[in-house]
Amino acid sequence: MSYKQRLITCPKCGFQFDVLYARAISCQGCPRLASDLSCELVRCPKCDHEFPVPRSAIRAVQALRKWRPRHPTYPF
């Protein structure tokens, strides 16, 4: 999974951002994200426009959730 797979462009203002950045900044405190971590919407950090997340970004975030370092002393 590369950083470019997680990039999203806002259809309203054209701002390009990482879906994880939007989840941390713009979606902070959203009841939908708190109840369902796989929310299908994302909010632009620049103009606050909410729109559906592209499938490529959803797959990238799901792959990141499954990732674990392969280190013998990793506690999880």
PDB file of N, CA and C in Angstrom:
ATOM      1  N   MET A   1       0.842  -1.168   0.000  1.00  0.00           N
ATOM      2  CA  MET A   1       0.000   0.000   0.000  1.00  0.00           C
ATOM      3  C   MET A   1       0.889   1.233   0.000  1.00  0.00           C
ATOM      4  N   SER A   2       0.663   2.110  -0.907  1.00  0.00           N
ATOM      5  CA  SER A   2       1.475   3.313  -0.976  1.00  0.00           C
ATOM      6  C   SER A   2       0.681   4.528  -0.504  1.00  0.00           C
ATOM      7  N   TYR A   3       1.426   5.571  -0.239  1.00  0.00           N
ATOM      8  CA  TYR A   3       0.806   6.827   0.190  1.00  0.00           C
ATOM      9  C   TYR A   3      -0.139   7.345  -0.880  1.00  0.00           C
ATOM     10  N   LYS A   4       0.225   7.187  -2.154  1.00  0.00           N
ATOM     11  CA  LYS A   4      -0.606   7.699  -3.249  1.00  0.00           C
ATOM     12  C   LYS A   4      -1.957   7.002  -3.322  1.00  0.00           C
ATOM     13  N   GLN A   5      -2.039   5.757  -2.854  1.00  0.00           N
ATOM     14  CA  GLN A   5      -3.322   5.049  -2.859  1.00  0.00           C
ATOM     15  C   GLN A   5      -4.293   5.655  -1.861  1.00  0.00           C
ATOM     16  N   ARG A   6      -3.767   6.306  -0.827  1.00  0.00           N
ATOM     17  CA  ARG A   6      -4.617   6.904   0.197  1.00  0.00           C
ATOM     18  C   ARG A   6      -4.973   8.348  -0.106  1.00  0.00           C
ATOM     19  N   LEU A   7      -4.426   8.930  -1.161  1.00  0.00           N
ATOM     20  CA  LEU A   7      -4.714  10.319  -1.500  1.00  0.00           C
ATOM     21  C   LEU A   7      -6.108  10.466  -2.092  1.00  0.00           C
ATOM     22  N   ILE A   8      -6.789  11.495  -1.667  1.00  0.00           N
ATOM     23  CA  ILE A   8      -8.138  11.804  -2.135  1.00  0.00           C
ATOM     24  C   ILE A   8      -8.144  13.261  -2.573  1.00  0.00           C
ATOM     25  N   THR A   9      -8.879  13.560  -3.623  1.00  0.00           N
ATOM     26  CA  THR A   9      -9.050  14.934  -4.075  1.00  0.00           C
ATOM     27  C   THR A   9     -10.499  15.341  -3.832  1.00  0.00           C
ATOM     28  N   CYS A  10     -10.671  16.441  -3.159  1.00  0.00           N
ATOM     29  CA  CYS A  10     -12.012  16.943  -2.869  1.00  0.00           C
ATOM     30  C   CYS A  10     -12.682  17.383  -4.176  1.00  0.00           C
ATOM     31  N   PRO A  11     -13.897  16.910  -4.443  1.00  0.00           N
ATOM     32  CA  PRO A  11     -14.584  17.305  -5.670  1.00  0.00           C
ATOM     33  C   PRO A  11     -15.051  18.763  -5.668  1.00  0.00           C
ATOM     34  N   LYS A  12     -15.135  19.371  -4.499  1.00  0.00           N
ATOM     35  CA  LYS A  12     -15.620  20.753  -4.414  1.00  0.00           C
ATOM     36  C   LYS A  12     -14.489  21.766  -4.582  1.00  0.00           C
ATOM     37  N   CYS A  13     -13.388  21.601  -3.820  1.00  0.00           N
ATOM     38  CA  CYS A  13     -12.325  22.618  -3.845  1.00  0.00           C
ATOM     39  C   CYS A  13     -11.038  22.153  -4.528  1.00  0.00           C
ATOM     40  N   GLY A  14     -10.913  20.841  -4.795  1.00  0.00           N
ATOM     41  CA  GLY A  14      -9.728  20.327  -5.464  1.00  0.00           C
ATOM     42  C   GLY A  14      -8.537  20.063  -4.542  1.00  0.00           C
ATOM     43  N   PHE A  15      -8.716  20.235  -3.240  1.00  0.00           N
ATOM     44  CA  PHE A  15      -7.640  19.986  -2.274  1.00  0.00           C
ATOM     45  C   PHE A  15      -7.339  18.499  -2.220  1.00  0.00           C
ATOM     46  N   GLN A  16      -6.052  18.151  -2.261  1.00  0.00           N
ATOM     47  CA  GLN A  16      -5.644  16.754  -2.216  1.00  0.00           C
ATOM     48  C   GLN A  16      -5.099  16.439  -0.827  1.00  0.00           C
ATOM     49  N   PHE A  17      -5.594  15.363  -0.224  1.00  0.00           N
ATOM     50  CA  PHE A  17      -5.218  15.025   1.139  1.00  0.00           C
ATOM     51  C   PHE A  17      -5.251  13.520   1.351  1.00  0.00           C
ATOM     52  N   ASP A  18      -4.610  13.082   2.422  1.00  0.00           N
ATOM     53  CA  ASP A  18      -4.573  11.674   2.806  1.00  0.00           C
ATOM     54  C   ASP A  18      -5.850  11.355   3.581  1.00  0.00           C
ATOM     55  N   VAL A  19      -6.461  10.216   3.304  1.00  0.00           N
ATOM     56  CA  VAL A  19      -7.694   9.834   3.986  1.00  0.00           C
ATOM     57  C   VAL A  19      -7.465   9.686   5.490  1.00  0.00           C
ATOM     58  N   LEU A  20      -6.283   9.253   5.908  1.00  0.00           N
ATOM     59  CA  LEU A  20      -6.001   9.126   7.337  1.00  0.00           C
ATOM     60  C   LEU A  20      -5.909  10.493   8.003  1.00  0.00           C
ATOM     61  N   TYR A  21      -5.387  11.472   7.285  1.00  0.00           N
ATOM     62  CA  TYR A  21      -5.328  12.843   7.798  1.00  0.00           C
ATOM     63  C   TYR A  21      -6.746  13.375   8.007  1.00  0.00           C
ATOM     64  N   ALA A  22      -7.619  13.122   7.047  1.00  0.00           N
ATOM     65  CA  ALA A  22      -9.003  13.589   7.159  1.00  0.00           C
ATOM     66  C   ALA A  22      -9.711  12.918   8.329  1.00  0.00           C
ATOM     67  N   ARG A  23      -9.461  11.625   8.508  1.00  0.00           N
ATOM     68  CA  ARG A  23     -10.083  10.913   9.630  1.00  0.00           C
ATOM     69  C   ARG A  23      -9.624  11.496  10.965  1.00  0.00           C
ATOM     70  N   ALA A  24      -8.359  11.849  11.056  1.00  0.00           N
ATOM     71  CA  ALA A  24      -7.809  12.367  12.309  1.00  0.00           C
ATOM     72  C   ALA A  24      -8.225  13.806  12.577  1.00  0.00           C
ATOM     73  N   ILE A  25      -8.332  14.633  11.537  1.00  0.00           N
ATOM     74  CA  ILE A  25      -8.608  16.060  11.707  1.00  0.00           C
ATOM     75  C   ILE A  25     -10.087  16.386  11.492  1.00  0.00           C
ATOM     76  N   SER A  26     -10.592  16.103  10.323  1.00  0.00           N
ATOM     77  CA  SER A  26     -11.946  16.536   9.956  1.00  0.00           C
ATOM     78  C   SER A  26     -13.047  15.664  10.546  1.00  0.00           C
ATOM     79  N   CYS A  27     -12.790  14.378  10.678  1.00  0.00           N
ATOM     80  CA  CYS A  27     -13.825  13.455  11.150  1.00  0.00           C
ATOM     81  C   CYS A  27     -13.770  13.264  12.661  1.00  0.00           C
ATOM     82  N   GLN A  28     -12.900  13.970  13.307  1.00  0.00           N
ATOM     83  CA  GLN A  28     -12.744  13.865  14.754  1.00  0.00           C
ATOM     84  C   GLN A  28     -14.058  14.250  15.445  1.00  0.00           C
ATOM     85  N   GLY A  29     -14.534  13.393  16.304  1.00  0.00           N
ATOM     86  CA  GLY A  29     -15.776  13.664  17.023  1.00  0.00           C
ATOM     87  C   GLY A  29     -17.039  13.299  16.269  1.00  0.00           C
ATOM     88  N   CYS A  30     -16.910  12.770  15.077  1.00  0.00           N
ATOM     89  CA  CYS A  30     -18.088  12.388  14.290  1.00  0.00           C
ATOM     90  C   CYS A  30     -18.710  11.125  14.891  1.00  0.00           C
ATOM     91  N   PRO A  31     -20.014  11.140  15.180  1.00  0.00           N
ATOM     92  CA  PRO A  31     -20.639   9.958  15.771  1.00  0.00           C
ATOM     93  C   PRO A  31     -20.663   8.757  14.820  1.00  0.00           C
ATOM     94  N   ARG A  32     -20.727   9.007  13.511  1.00  0.00           N
ATOM     95  CA  ARG A  32     -20.725   7.890  12.557  1.00  0.00           C
ATOM     96  C   ARG A  32     -19.402   7.158  12.575  1.00  0.00           C
ATOM     97  N   LEU A  33     -18.295   7.895  12.625  1.00  0.00           N
ATOM     98  CA  LEU A  33     -16.981   7.267  12.625  1.00  0.00           C
ATOM     99  C   LEU A  33     -16.726   6.555  13.940  1.00  0.00           C
ATOM    100  N   ALA A  34     -17.231   7.097  15.030  1.00  0.00           N
ATOM    101  CA  ALA A  34     -17.048   6.465  16.338  1.00  0.00           C
ATOM    102  C   ALA A  34     -17.808   5.144  16.421  1.00  0.00           C
ATOM    103  N   SER A  35     -18.983   5.075  15.812  1.00  0.00           N
ATOM    104  CA  SER A  35     -19.779   3.850  15.882  1.00  0.00           C
ATOM    105  C   SER A  35     -19.371   2.830  14.830  1.00  0.00           C
ATOM    106  N   ASP A  36     -18.895   3.287  13.681  1.00  0.00           N
ATOM    107  CA  ASP A  36     -18.525   2.384  12.590  1.00  0.00           C
ATOM    108  C   ASP A  36     -17.214   2.867  11.993  1.00  0.00           C
ATOM    109  N   LEU A  37     -16.118   2.185  12.314  1.00  0.00           N
ATOM    110  CA  LEU A  37     -14.797   2.641  11.867  1.00  0.00           C
ATOM    111  C   LEU A  37     -14.612   2.571  10.359  1.00  0.00           C
ATOM    112  N   SER A  38     -15.512   1.936   9.658  1.00  0.00           N
ATOM    113  CA  SER A  38     -15.383   1.860   8.210  1.00  0.00           C
ATOM    114  C   SER A  38     -16.417   2.752   7.527  1.00  0.00           C
ATOM    115  N   CYS A  39     -16.534   3.978   7.965  1.00  0.00           N
ATOM    116  CA  CYS A  39     -17.479   4.937   7.398  1.00  0.00           C
ATOM    117  C   CYS A  39     -17.183   5.153   5.917  1.00  0.00           C
ATOM    118  N   GLU A  40     -18.217   5.240   5.115  1.00  0.00           N
ATOM    119  CA  GLU A  40     -18.068   5.393   3.669  1.00  0.00           C
ATOM    120  C   GLU A  40     -17.904   6.844   3.231  1.00  0.00           C
ATOM    121  N   LEU A  41     -17.930   7.774   4.172  1.00  0.00           N
ATOM    122  CA  LEU A  41     -17.813   9.196   3.844  1.00  0.00           C
ATOM    123  C   LEU A  41     -16.518   9.759   4.411  1.00  0.00           C
ATOM    124  N   VAL A  42     -16.064  10.843   3.812  1.00  0.00           N
ATOM    125  CA  VAL A  42     -14.894  11.571   4.303  1.00  0.00           C
ATOM    126  C   VAL A  42     -15.198  13.057   4.185  1.00  0.00           C
ATOM    127  N   ARG A  43     -14.606  13.843   5.054  1.00  0.00           N
ATOM    128  CA  ARG A  43     -14.822  15.296   5.063  1.00  0.00           C
ATOM    129  C   ARG A  43     -13.520  15.988   4.692  1.00  0.00           C
ATOM    130  N   CYS A  44     -13.587  16.924   3.761  1.00  0.00           N
ATOM    131  CA  CYS A  44     -12.401  17.668   3.320  1.00  0.00           C
ATOM    132  C   CYS A  44     -11.904  18.566   4.456  1.00  0.00           C
ATOM    133  N   PRO A  45     -10.602  18.486   4.786  1.00  0.00           N
ATOM    134  CA  PRO A  45     -10.065  19.334   5.856  1.00  0.00           C
ATOM    135  C   PRO A  45     -10.030  20.822   5.499  1.00  0.00           C
ATOM    136  N   LYS A  46     -10.091  21.138   4.213  1.00  0.00           N
ATOM    137  CA  LYS A  46      -9.989  22.539   3.787  1.00  0.00           C
ATOM    138  C   LYS A  46     -11.354  23.228   3.705  1.00  0.00           C
ATOM    139  N   CYS A  47     -12.308  22.612   2.984  1.00  0.00           N
ATOM    140  CA  CYS A  47     -13.602  23.283   2.775  1.00  0.00           C
ATOM    141  C   CYS A  47     -14.752  22.655   3.557  1.00  0.00           C
ATOM    142  N   ASP A  48     -14.504  21.554   4.271  1.00  0.00           N
ATOM    143  CA  ASP A  48     -15.484  20.877   5.108  1.00  0.00           C
ATOM    144  C   ASP A  48     -16.602  20.204   4.307  1.00  0.00           C
ATOM    145  N   HIS A  49     -16.362  19.936   3.030  1.00  0.00           N
ATOM    146  CA  HIS A  49     -17.336  19.242   2.184  1.00  0.00           C
ATOM    147  C   HIS A  49     -17.251  17.740   2.468  1.00  0.00           C
ATOM    148  N   GLU A  50     -18.389  17.095   2.675  1.00  0.00           N
ATOM    149  CA  GLU A  50     -18.426  15.656   2.936  1.00  0.00           C
ATOM    150  C   GLU A  50     -18.837  14.927   1.668  1.00  0.00           C
ATOM    151  N   PHE A  51     -18.106  13.859   1.332  1.00  0.00           N
ATOM    152  CA  PHE A  51     -18.367  13.111   0.112  1.00  0.00           C
ATOM    153  C   PHE A  51     -17.950  11.656   0.291  1.00  0.00           C
ATOM    154  N   PRO A  52     -18.418  10.748  -0.578  1.00  0.00           N
ATOM    155  CA  PRO A  52     -18.055   9.324  -0.474  1.00  0.00           C
ATOM    156  C   PRO A  52     -16.561   9.107  -0.722  1.00  0.00           C
ATOM    157  N   VAL A  53     -15.996   8.174   0.022  1.00  0.00           N
ATOM    158  CA  VAL A  53     -14.580   7.835  -0.113  1.00  0.00           C
ATOM    159  C   VAL A  53     -14.410   6.937  -1.343  1.00  0.00           C
ATOM    160  N   PRO A  54     -13.411   7.228  -2.198  1.00  0.00           N
ATOM    161  CA  PRO A  54     -13.148   6.330  -3.333  1.00  0.00           C
ATOM    162  C   PRO A  54     -12.752   4.935  -2.855  1.00  0.00           C
ATOM    163  N   ARG A  55     -13.117   3.913  -3.606  1.00  0.00           N
ATOM    164  CA  ARG A  55     -12.832   2.519  -3.240  1.00  0.00           C
ATOM    165  C   ARG A  55     -11.344   2.257  -3.032  1.00  0.00           C
ATOM    166  N   SER A  56     -10.486   2.879  -3.828  1.00  0.00           N
ATOM    167  CA  SER A  56      -9.046   2.644  -3.684  1.00  0.00           C
ATOM    168  C   SER A  56      -8.541   3.088  -2.315  1.00  0.00           C
ATOM    169  N   ALA A  57      -9.070   4.182  -1.804  1.00  0.00           N
ATOM    170  CA  ALA A  57      -8.665   4.667  -0.487  1.00  0.00           C
ATOM    171  C   ALA A  57      -9.200   3.764   0.614  1.00  0.00           C
ATOM    172  N   ILE A  58     -10.398   3.229   0.439  1.00  0.00           N
ATOM    173  CA  ILE A  58     -10.967   2.309   1.423  1.00  0.00           C
ATOM    174  C   ILE A  58     -10.108   1.053   1.512  1.00  0.00           C
ATOM    175  N   ARG A  59      -9.702   0.514   0.356  1.00  0.00           N
ATOM    176  CA  ARG A  59      -8.858  -0.681   0.358  1.00  0.00           C
ATOM    177  C   ARG A  59      -7.514  -0.401   1.017  1.00  0.00           C
ATOM    178  N   ALA A  60      -6.957   0.776   0.804  1.00  0.00           N
ATOM    179  CA  ALA A  60      -5.672   1.129   1.404  1.00  0.00           C
ATOM    180  C   ALA A  60      -5.776   1.212   2.921  1.00  0.00           C
ATOM    181  N   VAL A  61      -6.847   1.780   3.437  1.00  0.00           N
ATOM    182  CA  VAL A  61      -7.040   1.891   4.885  1.00  0.00           C
ATOM    183  C   VAL A  61      -7.282   0.511   5.486  1.00  0.00           C
ATOM    184  N   GLN A  62      -8.039  -0.339   4.809  1.00  0.00           N
ATOM    185  CA  GLN A  62      -8.270  -1.695   5.310  1.00  0.00           C
ATOM    186  C   GLN A  62      -6.967  -2.479   5.365  1.00  0.00           C
ATOM    187  N   ALA A  63      -6.109  -2.313   4.380  1.00  0.00           N
ATOM    188  CA  ALA A  63      -4.809  -2.988   4.390  1.00  0.00           C
ATOM    189  C   ALA A  63      -3.946  -2.476   5.535  1.00  0.00           C
ATOM    190  N   LEU A  64      -4.027  -1.213   5.829  1.00  0.00           N
ATOM    191  CA  LEU A  64      -3.258  -0.639   6.932  1.00  0.00           C
ATOM    192  C   LEU A  64      -3.734  -1.189   8.280  1.00  0.00           C
ATOM    193  N   ARG A  65      -5.025  -1.429   8.427  1.00  0.00           N
ATOM    194  CA  ARG A  65      -5.544  -1.998   9.671  1.00  0.00           C
ATOM    195  C   ARG A  65      -4.988  -3.396   9.931  1.00  0.00           C
ATOM    196  N   LYS A  66      -4.770  -4.168   8.864  1.00  0.00           N
ATOM    197  CA  LYS A  66      -4.289  -5.541   9.002  1.00  0.00           C
ATOM    198  C   LYS A  66      -2.777  -5.613   9.196  1.00  0.00           C
ATOM    199  N   TRP A  67      -2.073  -4.537   8.913  1.00  0.00           N
ATOM    200  CA  TRP A  67      -0.617  -4.543   8.975  1.00  0.00           C
ATOM    201  C   TRP A  67      -0.124  -4.607  10.417  1.00  0.00           C
ATOM    202  N   ARG A  68       0.850  -5.449  10.637  1.00  0.00           N
ATOM    203  CA  ARG A  68       1.523  -5.554  11.929  1.00  0.00           C
ATOM    204  C   ARG A  68       3.018  -5.734  11.659  1.00  0.00           C
ATOM    205  N   PRO A  69       3.868  -5.059  12.408  1.00  0.00           N
ATOM    206  CA  PRO A  69       5.305  -5.248  12.235  1.00  0.00           C
ATOM    207  C   PRO A  69       5.686  -6.699  12.536  1.00  0.00           C
ATOM    208  N   ARG A  70       6.660  -7.177  11.835  1.00  0.00           N
ATOM    209  CA  ARG A  70       7.124  -8.549  12.053  1.00  0.00           C
ATOM    210  C   ARG A  70       8.361  -8.542  12.941  1.00  0.00           C
ATOM    211  N   HIS A  71       8.170  -8.139  14.132  1.00  0.00           N
ATOM    212  CA  HIS A  71       9.261  -8.063  15.090  1.00  0.00           C
ATOM    213  C   HIS A  71       8.901  -8.946  16.277  1.00  0.00           C
ATOM    214  N   PRO A  72       9.826  -9.813  16.719  1.00  0.00           N
ATOM    215  CA  PRO A  72       9.488 -10.758  17.785  1.00  0.00           C
ATOM    216  C   PRO A  72       9.099 -10.117  19.113  1.00  0.00           C
ATOM    217  N   THR A  73       9.516  -8.886  19.370  1.00  0.00           N
ATOM    218  CA  THR A  73       9.182  -8.248  20.642  1.00  0.00           C
ATOM    219  C   THR A  73       7.972  -7.339  20.551  1.00  0.00           C
ATOM    220  N   TYR A  74       7.287  -7.349  19.407  1.00  0.00           N
ATOM    221  CA  TYR A  74       6.088  -6.528  19.251  1.00  0.00           C
ATOM    222  C   TYR A  74       5.002  -7.096  20.165  1.00  0.00           C
ATOM    223  N   PRO A  75       4.434  -6.286  21.072  1.00  0.00           N
ATOM    224  CA  PRO A  75       3.525  -6.806  22.103  1.00  0.00           C
ATOM    225  C   PRO A  75       2.148  -7.253  21.607  1.00  0.00           C
ATOM    226  N   PHE A  76       1.759  -6.948  20.392  1.00  0.00           N
ATOM    227  CA  PHE A  76       0.403  -7.292  19.964  1.00  0.00           C
ATOM    228  C   PHE A  76       0.421  -8.531  19.151  1.00  0.00           C
TER     229      PHE A  76
END
